[in-house]
PDB file of N, CA and C in Angstrom:
ATOM      1  N   MET A   1      19.464  27.566  15.007  1.00  0.00           N
ATOM      2  CA  MET A   1      19.291  26.169  14.651  1.00  0.00           C
ATOM      3  C   MET A   1      19.950  25.903  13.291  1.00  0.00           C
ATOM      4  N   PRO A   2      20.713  24.795  13.160  1.00  0.00           N
ATOM      5  CA  PRO A   2      21.384  24.540  11.878  1.00  0.00           C
ATOM      6  C   PRO A   2      20.401  24.127  10.789  1.00  0.00           C
ATOM      7  N   LYS A   3      20.805  24.397   9.572  1.00  0.00           N
ATOM      8  CA  LYS A   3      19.999  24.051   8.417  1.00  0.00           C
ATOM      9  C   LYS A   3      19.946  22.532   8.253  1.00  0.00           C
ATOM     10  N   PHE A   4      18.759  21.990   7.940  1.00  0.00           N
ATOM     11  CA  PHE A   4      18.627  20.545   7.773  1.00  0.00           C
ATOM     12  C   PHE A   4      19.197  20.114   6.428  1.00  0.00           C
ATOM     13  N   LYS A   5      20.022  19.065   6.457  1.00  0.00           N
ATOM     14  CA  LYS A   5      20.592  18.537   5.219  1.00  0.00           C
ATOM     15  C   LYS A   5      20.051  17.127   4.983  1.00  0.00           C
ATOM     16  N   PRO A   6      19.347  16.893   3.881  1.00  0.00           N
ATOM     17  CA  PRO A   6      18.837  15.559   3.589  1.00  0.00           C
ATOM     18  C   PRO A   6      19.982  14.566   3.421  1.00  0.00           C
ATOM     19  N   HIS A   7      19.711  13.332   3.702  1.00  0.00           N
ATOM     20  CA  HIS A   7      20.713  12.272   3.623  1.00  0.00           C
ATOM     21  C   HIS A   7      21.042  11.997   2.155  1.00  0.00           C
ATOM     22  N   SER A   8      22.251  12.371   1.717  1.00  0.00           N
ATOM     23  CA  SER A   8      22.591  12.258   0.299  1.00  0.00           C
ATOM     24  C   SER A   8      22.673  10.805  -0.156  1.00  0.00           C
ATOM     25  N   GLY A   9      23.023   9.900   0.746  1.00  0.00           N
ATOM     26  CA  GLY A   9      23.070   8.477   0.397  1.00  0.00           C
ATOM     27  C   GLY A   9      21.686   7.916   0.130  1.00  0.00           C
ATOM     28  N   MET A  10      20.707   8.368   0.902  1.00  0.00           N
ATOM     29  CA  MET A  10      19.334   7.883   0.717  1.00  0.00           C
ATOM     30  C   MET A  10      18.744   8.395  -0.582  1.00  0.00           C
ATOM     31  N   LYS A  11      19.115   9.615  -0.973  1.00  0.00           N
ATOM     32  CA  LYS A  11      18.632  10.177  -2.243  1.00  0.00           C
ATOM     33  C   LYS A  11      19.021   9.274  -3.409  1.00  0.00           C
ATOM     34  N   LYS A  12      20.231   8.686  -3.319  1.00  0.00           N
ATOM     35  CA  LYS A  12      20.741   7.857  -4.405  1.00  0.00           C
ATOM     36  C   LYS A  12      20.122   6.463  -4.425  1.00  0.00           C
ATOM     37  N   ARG A  13      19.645   5.999  -3.284  1.00  0.00           N
ATOM     38  CA  ARG A  13      19.166   4.623  -3.164  1.00  0.00           C
ATOM     39  C   ARG A  13      17.673   4.453  -3.391  1.00  0.00           C
ATOM     40  N   VAL A  14      16.929   5.562  -3.344  1.00  0.00           N
ATOM     41  CA  VAL A  14      15.476   5.480  -3.366  1.00  0.00           C
ATOM     42  C   VAL A  14      14.909   6.343  -4.478  1.00  0.00           C
ATOM     43  N   LYS A  15      13.873   5.830  -5.161  1.00  0.00           N
ATOM     44  CA  LYS A  15      13.190   6.598  -6.190  1.00  0.00           C
ATOM     45  C   LYS A  15      11.770   6.865  -5.695  1.00  0.00           C
ATOM     46  N   VAL A  16      11.304   8.109  -5.852  1.00  0.00           N
ATOM     47  CA  VAL A  16       9.960   8.471  -5.403  1.00  0.00           C
ATOM     48  C   VAL A  16       9.007   8.371  -6.588  1.00  0.00           C
ATOM     49  N   THR A  17       7.878   7.670  -6.410  1.00  0.00           N
ATOM     50  CA  THR A  17       6.881   7.541  -7.464  1.00  0.00           C
ATOM     51  C   THR A  17       6.022   8.796  -7.505  1.00  0.00           C
ATOM     52  N   GLY A  18       5.140   8.866  -8.465  1.00  0.00           N
ATOM     53  CA  GLY A  18       4.251  10.017  -8.603  1.00  0.00           C
ATOM     54  C   GLY A  18       3.317  10.178  -7.420  1.00  0.00           C
ATOM     55  N   ARG A  19       2.953   9.067  -6.792  1.00  0.00           N
ATOM     56  CA  ARG A  19       2.042   9.120  -5.643  1.00  0.00           C
ATOM     57  C   ARG A  19       2.770   9.243  -4.310  1.00  0.00           C
ATOM     58  N   GLY A  20       4.095   9.384  -4.385  1.00  0.00           N
ATOM     59  CA  GLY A  20       4.861   9.590  -3.159  1.00  0.00           C
ATOM     60  C   GLY A  20       5.329   8.329  -2.480  1.00  0.00           C
ATOM     61  N   LYS A  21       5.211   7.187  -3.157  1.00  0.00           N
ATOM     62  CA  LYS A  21       5.725   5.942  -2.588  1.00  0.00           C
ATOM     63  C   LYS A  21       7.191   5.794  -2.985  1.00  0.00           C
ATOM     64  N   TYR A  22       7.907   4.934  -2.281  1.00  0.00           N
ATOM     65  CA  TYR A  22       9.334   4.764  -2.535  1.00  0.00           C
ATOM     66  C   TYR A  22       9.627   3.416  -3.165  1.00  0.00           C
ATOM     67  N   LEU A  23      10.495   3.428  -4.175  1.00  0.00           N
ATOM     68  CA  LEU A  23      10.969   2.205  -4.806  1.00  0.00           C
ATOM     69  C   LEU A  23      12.462   2.075  -4.541  1.00  0.00           C
ATOM     70  N   ALA A  24      12.885   0.867  -4.207  1.00  0.00           N
ATOM     71  CA  ALA A  24      14.302   0.613  -3.965  1.00  0.00           C
ATOM     72  C   ALA A  24      14.626  -0.789  -4.435  1.00  0.00           C
ATOM     73  N   GLU A  25      15.900  -1.023  -4.706  1.00  0.00           N
ATOM     74  CA  GLU A  25      16.316  -2.360  -5.102  1.00  0.00           C
ATOM     75  C   GLU A  25      16.519  -3.215  -3.860  1.00  0.00           C
ATOM     76  N   PRO A  26      16.084  -4.488  -3.908  1.00  0.00           N
ATOM     77  CA  PRO A  26      16.261  -5.348  -2.739  1.00  0.00           C
ATOM     78  C   PRO A  26      17.733  -5.655  -2.479  1.00  0.00           C
ATOM     79  N   ALA A  27      18.054  -5.886  -1.229  1.00  0.00           N
ATOM     80  CA  ALA A  27      19.434  -6.181  -0.847  1.00  0.00           C
ATOM     81  C   ALA A  27      19.801  -7.599  -1.261  1.00  0.00           C
ATOM     82  N   GLY A  28      21.094  -7.845  -1.419  1.00  0.00           N
ATOM     83  CA  GLY A  28      21.576  -9.205  -1.632  1.00  0.00           C
ATOM     84  C   GLY A  28      21.934  -9.568  -3.053  1.00  0.00           C
ATOM     85  N   LYS A  29      22.065  -8.593  -3.955  1.00  0.00           N
ATOM     86  CA  LYS A  29      22.429  -8.950  -5.329  1.00  0.00           C
ATOM     87  C   LYS A  29      23.716  -8.272  -5.778  1.00  0.00           C
ATOM     88  N   ARG A  30      24.605  -7.984  -4.836  1.00  0.00           N
ATOM     89  CA  ARG A  30      25.839  -7.288  -5.166  1.00  0.00           C
ATOM     90  C   ARG A  30      27.048  -8.222  -5.279  1.00  0.00           C
ATOM     91  N   HIS A  31      27.184  -9.135  -4.360  1.00  0.00           N
ATOM     92  CA  HIS A  31      28.368 -10.003  -4.388  1.00  0.00           C
ATOM     93  C   HIS A  31      28.012 -11.393  -3.865  1.00  0.00           C
ATOM     94  N   LEU A  32      28.967 -12.321  -3.962  1.00  0.00           N
ATOM     95  CA  LEU A  32      28.774 -13.735  -3.590  1.00  0.00           C
ATOM     96  C   LEU A  32      27.625 -14.365  -4.375  1.00  0.00           C
ATOM     97  N   LEU A  33      27.522 -13.990  -5.658  1.00  0.00           N
ATOM     98  CA  LEU A  33      26.408 -14.468  -6.468  1.00  0.00           C
ATOM     99  C   LEU A  33      26.580 -15.922  -6.900  1.00  0.00           C
ATOM    100  N   GLU A  34      27.800 -16.436  -6.865  1.00  0.00           N
ATOM    101  CA  GLU A  34      28.025 -17.836  -7.249  1.00  0.00           C
ATOM    102  C   GLU A  34      27.310 -18.777  -6.292  1.00  0.00           C
ATOM    103  N   VAL A  35      27.232 -18.376  -5.040  1.00  0.00           N
ATOM    104  CA  VAL A  35      26.616 -19.203  -4.004  1.00  0.00           C
ATOM    105  C   VAL A  35      25.103 -19.232  -4.155  1.00  0.00           C
ATOM    106  N   LYS A  36      24.534 -18.110  -4.583  1.00  0.00           N
ATOM    107  CA  LYS A  36      23.079 -17.976  -4.661  1.00  0.00           C
ATOM    108  C   LYS A  36      22.543 -18.644  -5.925  1.00  0.00           C
ATOM    109  N   SER A  37      21.361 -19.231  -5.801  1.00  0.00           N
ATOM    110  CA  SER A  37      20.757 -19.921  -6.936  1.00  0.00           C
ATOM    111  C   SER A  37      20.262 -18.897  -7.965  1.00  0.00           C
ATOM    112  N   SER A  38      20.117 -19.350  -9.217  1.00  0.00           N
ATOM    113  CA  SER A  38      19.638 -18.479 -10.290  1.00  0.00           C
ATOM    114  C   SER A  38      18.241 -17.976  -9.977  1.00  0.00           C
ATOM    115  N   LYS A  39      17.439 -18.850  -9.396  1.00  0.00           N
ATOM    116  CA  LYS A  39      16.073 -18.493  -9.022  1.00  0.00           C
ATOM    117  C   LYS A  39      16.075 -17.317  -8.039  1.00  0.00           C
ATOM    118  N   ARG A  40      16.980 -17.385  -7.083  1.00  0.00           N
ATOM    119  CA  ARG A  40      17.088 -16.344  -6.050  1.00  0.00           C
ATOM    120  C   ARG A  40      17.557 -15.017  -6.646  1.00  0.00           C
ATOM    121  N   THR A  41      18.575 -15.065  -7.523  1.00  0.00           N
ATOM    122  CA  THR A  41      19.082 -13.826  -8.108  1.00  0.00           C
ATOM    123  C   THR A  41      18.054 -13.189  -9.049  1.00  0.00           C
ATOM    124  N   ARG A  42      17.267 -13.993  -9.751  1.00  0.00           N
ATOM    125  CA  ARG A  42      16.212 -13.455 -10.612  1.00  0.00           C
ATOM    126  C   ARG A  42      15.138 -12.766  -9.776  1.00  0.00           C
ATOM    127  N   ARG A  43      14.832 -13.343  -8.642  1.00  0.00           N
ATOM    128  CA  ARG A  43      13.813 -12.779  -7.749  1.00  0.00           C
ATOM    129  C   ARG A  43      14.246 -11.414  -7.210  1.00  0.00           C
ATOM    130  N   LEU A  44      15.570 -11.235  -7.059  1.00  0.00           N
ATOM    131  CA  LEU A  44      16.105  -9.986  -6.519  1.00  0.00           C
ATOM    132  C   LEU A  44      16.256  -8.891  -7.580  1.00  0.00           C
ATOM    133  N   THR A  45      15.931  -9.189  -8.843  1.00  0.00           N
ATOM    134  CA  THR A  45      16.048  -8.215  -9.920  1.00  0.00           C
ATOM    135  C   THR A  45      14.902  -7.199  -9.840  1.00  0.00           C
ATOM    136  N   GLY A  46      15.185  -5.967 -10.240  1.00  0.00           N
ATOM    137  CA  GLY A  46      14.153  -4.945 -10.299  1.00  0.00           C
ATOM    138  C   GLY A  46      13.984  -4.191  -8.997  1.00  0.00           C
ATOM    139  N   SER A  47      12.969  -3.364  -8.939  1.00  0.00           N
ATOM    140  CA  SER A  47      12.705  -2.533  -7.767  1.00  0.00           C
ATOM    141  C   SER A  47      11.446  -2.993  -7.054  1.00  0.00           C
ATOM    142  N   VAL A  48      11.419  -2.781  -5.748  1.00  0.00           N
ATOM    143  CA  VAL A  48      10.243  -3.128  -4.950  1.00  0.00           C
ATOM    144  C   VAL A  48       9.819  -1.913  -4.137  1.00  0.00           C
ATOM    145  N   GLU A  49       8.539  -1.889  -3.787  1.00  0.00           N
ATOM    146  CA  GLU A  49       8.016  -0.803  -2.960  1.00  0.00           C
ATOM    147  C   GLU A  49       8.427  -1.034  -1.516  1.00  0.00           C
ATOM    148  N   LEU A  50       8.840   0.035  -0.843  1.00  0.00           N
ATOM    149  CA  LEU A  50       9.266  -0.093   0.548  1.00  0.00           C
ATOM    150  C   LEU A  50       8.077  -0.287   1.467  1.00  0.00           C
ATOM    151  N   ALA A  51       8.307  -1.003   2.568  1.00  0.00           N
ATOM    152  CA  ALA A  51       7.281  -1.237   3.580  1.00  0.00           C
ATOM    153  C   ALA A  51       6.950   0.074   4.296  1.00  0.00           C
ATOM    154  N   PRO A  52       5.743   0.193   4.847  1.00  0.00           N
ATOM    155  CA  PRO A  52       5.362   1.425   5.564  1.00  0.00           C
ATOM    156  C   PRO A  52       6.318   1.787   6.698  1.00  0.00           C
ATOM    157  N   SER A  53       6.837   0.790   7.399  1.00  0.00           N
ATOM    158  CA  SER A  53       7.772   1.068   8.496  1.00  0.00           C
ATOM    159  C   SER A  53       9.057   1.702   7.969  1.00  0.00           C
ATOM    160  N   GLU A  54       9.514   1.259   6.811  1.00  0.00           N
ATOM    161  CA  GLU A  54      10.717   1.829   6.202  1.00  0.00           C
ATOM    162  C   GLU A  54      10.433   3.214   5.620  1.00  0.00           C
ATOM    163  N   THR A  55       9.209   3.402   5.131  1.00  0.00           N
ATOM    164  CA  THR A  55       8.830   4.675   4.523  1.00  0.00           C
ATOM    165  C   THR A  55       8.960   5.818   5.515  1.00  0.00           C
ATOM    166  N   ARG A  56       8.555   5.577   6.769  1.00  0.00           N
ATOM    167  CA  ARG A  56       8.664   6.614   7.799  1.00  0.00           C
ATOM    168  C   ARG A  56      10.119   7.029   7.996  1.00  0.00           C
ATOM    169  N   ARG A  57      11.003   6.042   8.026  1.00  0.00           N
ATOM    170  CA  ARG A  57      12.432   6.313   8.226  1.00  0.00           C
ATOM    171  C   ARG A  57      13.011   7.094   7.049  1.00  0.00           C
ATOM    172  N   VAL A  58      12.642   6.699   5.841  1.00  0.00           N
ATOM    173  CA  VAL A  58      13.151   7.368   4.633  1.00  0.00           C
ATOM    174  C   VAL A  58      12.635   8.803   4.560  1.00  0.00           C
ATOM    175  N   ASN A  59      11.364   9.021   4.906  1.00  0.00           N
ATOM    176  CA  ASN A  59      10.790  10.375   4.921  1.00  0.00           C
ATOM    177  C   ASN A  59      11.606  11.280   5.818  1.00  0.00           C
ATOM    178  N   LYS A  60      11.982  10.775   6.973  1.00  0.00           N
ATOM    179  CA  LYS A  60      12.737  11.553   7.941  1.00  0.00           C
ATOM    180  C   LYS A  60      14.121  11.902   7.375  1.00  0.00           C
ATOM    181  N   MET A  61      14.750  10.922   6.719  1.00  0.00           N
ATOM    182  CA  MET A  61      16.083  11.147   6.176  1.00  0.00           C
ATOM    183  C   MET A  61      16.086  12.128   5.017  1.00  0.00           C
ATOM    184  N   LEU A  62      14.982  12.143   4.257  1.00  0.00           N
ATOM    185  CA  LEU A  62      14.898  13.044   3.104  1.00  0.00           C
ATOM    186  C   LEU A  62      14.267  14.386   3.463  1.00  0.00           C
ATOM    187  N   GLY A  63      13.841  14.550   4.700  1.00  0.00           N
ATOM    188  CA  GLY A  63      13.283  15.813   5.141  1.00  0.00           C
ATOM    189  C   GLY A  63      11.900  16.085   4.606  1.00  0.00           C
ATOM    190  N   ARG A  64      11.068  15.056   4.490  1.00  0.00           N
ATOM    191  CA  ARG A  64       9.699  15.212   3.984  1.00  0.00           C
ATOM    192  C   ARG A  64       8.708  15.177   5.109  1.00  0.00           C
TER     193      ARG A  64
END
């Protein structure tokens, strides 16, 4: 059986907290920012905790 390799892209996108929860930046703040309102871009600033459904997927990708 081949050795399991964790998803290197996911390692870069997600931060694990001390309690094992995942923090990630919300999507939508990379480009086309002129179109988006200031209120919207401010709301997208910072990190948010991932939903439980996403957590299962990330665990699998990171081999946890």
